[in-house]
Amino acid sequence: MPVGDDPTQLVVWLLVGVVLAIALAAAIVVRRRRAGRPVPVQGPSEPARGPRTIRDGLSATRRRLAERLQGVWRGTGERAAMLAELEEALIGADVGVRTSQQLIEHVARTDARGPVELQAVLRREVAAMCAPPERKISAGRPHVVLVTGVNGVGKTTTVGKLAAAAKAEGRRVLLVAADTYRAAAIEQLEAWGTRLGVDVVRHAAGASPAAVAHDGMKAAVGRDADLVLIDTAGRLHTRAPLMDELRKVRRVLGQIVPGAPHETLLVLDASTGQNALTQARVFLEAVDVTGVVLTKLDGTARGGVALAVAHELGLPIAYVGVGEGPGDLRPFDAGEYAEALIGS
């Protein structure tokens, strides 16, 4: 029946359309549940291809450097001018002024002159500068890893990817949802647990993070877990009360499992560039960070910040995120990073 110009009929047809859309969505949900498939929530997605490499993740940064270094690699200009261009290009890739200057000073002390020699020496110096110091990891079973960082850097996803890697190695993993401020974070972690077949300790949204940590440690001991991964709420590094809460969580962990947390991983978003350094400095003052996870490396041209973090803070980079898939959290390799950043 044509609607015509009657506004009442138009409203009726709009309501009919809304009802039909809701009914269709409900039917899809029911069908998924009957088929034994979970209804999607915010959480892990299936990778469409194999795990990516650090070189893949640094492609945007490498392109930016390549554009700036075309003149250098063509061998034009005097050596001093070439080194100045190198320094400017590194700063543009968010390596940072201080780190870039020291890197060029090291290169300048060598006899390298042509573009091929300069590139080889630069690669070697980058690898040496970002080679991680020995990570201070205390032994313990269950091995307890606390994951922290500011809002939106990918902490929960990092926890899920670490759990996937550990489960693939045959380790008994327990996840602890201590980010109680966001119900979505709890659901996301549970989605990872369901997918991987690992237990998740959780409380209701708004519960005390320290209480969740306490119950998580008790469960880990009782279930003979090998590895405990604790997801914490995103906290602004400028908010003192939230940093105090993080210290309280750490104390609770150590009361139940001596020496815990055995690792504290700070998650940084590579796309924030030099701001990641500021965040890291504040967290270093608040908690004993043992390693850095640099996420979203594949979506930014600021991948040089990894070098700045390693050099200026003396923090080992444990992992880098180079994609969305579970296998795209890669252990950091200084040589691979240098080759991927500078090229060959």
Foldseek 3Di string as FASTA:
>chain_A
DDQPPDVVSVVVVVVVVVVVVVVVVVVVCVVCVVVVHHDDAPAADADPDDADDLLLLQVLQQVQLCVQLVCQQVFDDFQVVSLVSQLVSLVVLLLNNVLSVVLSVVLVVDPDTHNVSSLVSSLVSQLVLQVADDFQFDDFVLAEEEEAEAPPLCRLRVLLLVVQVCVVVVFQEEEFELALQDPSSVVHNVVSCVVSVHYYQYDHRPDQSLVSLLVRLVVRVVVRGNYYYYGYHHDDLVDVVVLVSVVSSQVSNCVRTPPPNRAYEYEFEQQVRPVSVVRVVSNVVRDPHREYEYESSNPHSNVSSSSNCCNVVVHRHQWYARDRHSSRTGGDRSSVNSCSNSPD
